[in-house]
Protein backbone atom coordinates (compact mmCIF):
# COMPACT_ATOMS: atom_id res chain seq x y z
CA MET A 1 -108.23 -1.31 -53.44
CA LYS A 2 -106.97 0.12 -50.24
CA TRP A 3 -108.83 2.56 -48.18
CA VAL A 4 -107.25 6.29 -48.32
CA TYR A 5 -107.51 8.32 -45.10
CA TRP A 6 -108.02 11.50 -44.81
CA SER A 7 -104.79 13.42 -43.11
CA ARG A 8 -107.04 14.96 -40.08
CA LEU A 9 -108.62 13.46 -37.08
CA TYR A 10 -111.57 15.07 -35.31
CA ASP A 11 -112.95 15.43 -32.04
CA SER A 12 -116.77 14.83 -33.15
CA LYS A 13 -118.31 12.66 -35.48
CA PHE A 14 -120.59 15.31 -36.44
CA GLN A 15 -117.29 17.15 -37.68
CA ALA A 16 -116.07 14.01 -39.56
CA GLY A 17 -119.66 13.40 -41.23
CA CYS A 18 -119.36 17.23 -42.25
CA LEU A 19 -116.55 16.49 -44.22
CA VAL A 20 -118.25 13.45 -45.97
CA GLN A 21 -121.51 15.59 -46.52
CA ARG A 22 -118.63 18.19 -48.36
CA MET A 23 -116.86 15.65 -50.10
CA GLU A 24 -120.02 14.34 -51.76
CA HIS A 25 -121.11 17.96 -52.38
CA ASP A 26 -118.08 19.02 -54.58
CA GLY A 27 -118.51 16.05 -56.59
CA TRP A 28 -121.92 17.25 -57.69
CA VAL A 29 -121.29 20.81 -58.08
CA PHE A 30 -117.81 20.54 -59.61
CA GLY A 31 -118.46 17.19 -61.67
CA ILE A 32 -115.20 15.57 -60.53
CA GLU A 33 -115.65 11.71 -59.96
CA LEU A 34 -116.96 10.47 -56.35
CA PRO A 35 -115.45 8.22 -54.51
CA ARG A 36 -116.85 4.49 -54.56
CA GLU A 37 -117.31 4.43 -50.33
CA ILE A 38 -116.87 7.32 -48.07
CA GLU A 39 -117.26 6.59 -44.25
CA VAL A 40 -116.53 7.97 -40.76
CA TYR A 41 -114.43 6.02 -38.84
CA ARG A 42 -112.98 6.33 -35.20
CA SER A 43 -109.49 5.58 -34.11
CA ARG A 44 -107.87 3.60 -31.27
CA LYS A 45 -107.58 7.25 -29.79
CA GLY A 46 -111.52 7.81 -29.71
CA ARG A 47 -111.04 10.71 -32.39
CA TYR A 48 -112.77 10.29 -35.69
CA GLY A 49 -111.46 10.37 -38.90
CA VAL A 50 -112.64 9.76 -42.67
CA ARG A 51 -111.49 7.09 -45.26
CA TYR A 52 -112.67 6.47 -48.65
CA LEU A 53 -112.27 3.98 -51.45
CA PRO A 54 -111.24 5.64 -54.97
């Protein structure tokens, strides 16, 4: 499987980490299937993004 990239890049690693936590929390609360792996990555321009494996 290939990585799915979130459409937005963030200025700080903290902001991207908050999105990761939100995705995990929503999966638990609403009972939707969680991705196998979620991670924060750094782009070539120094901004942070979120990618996951469905």
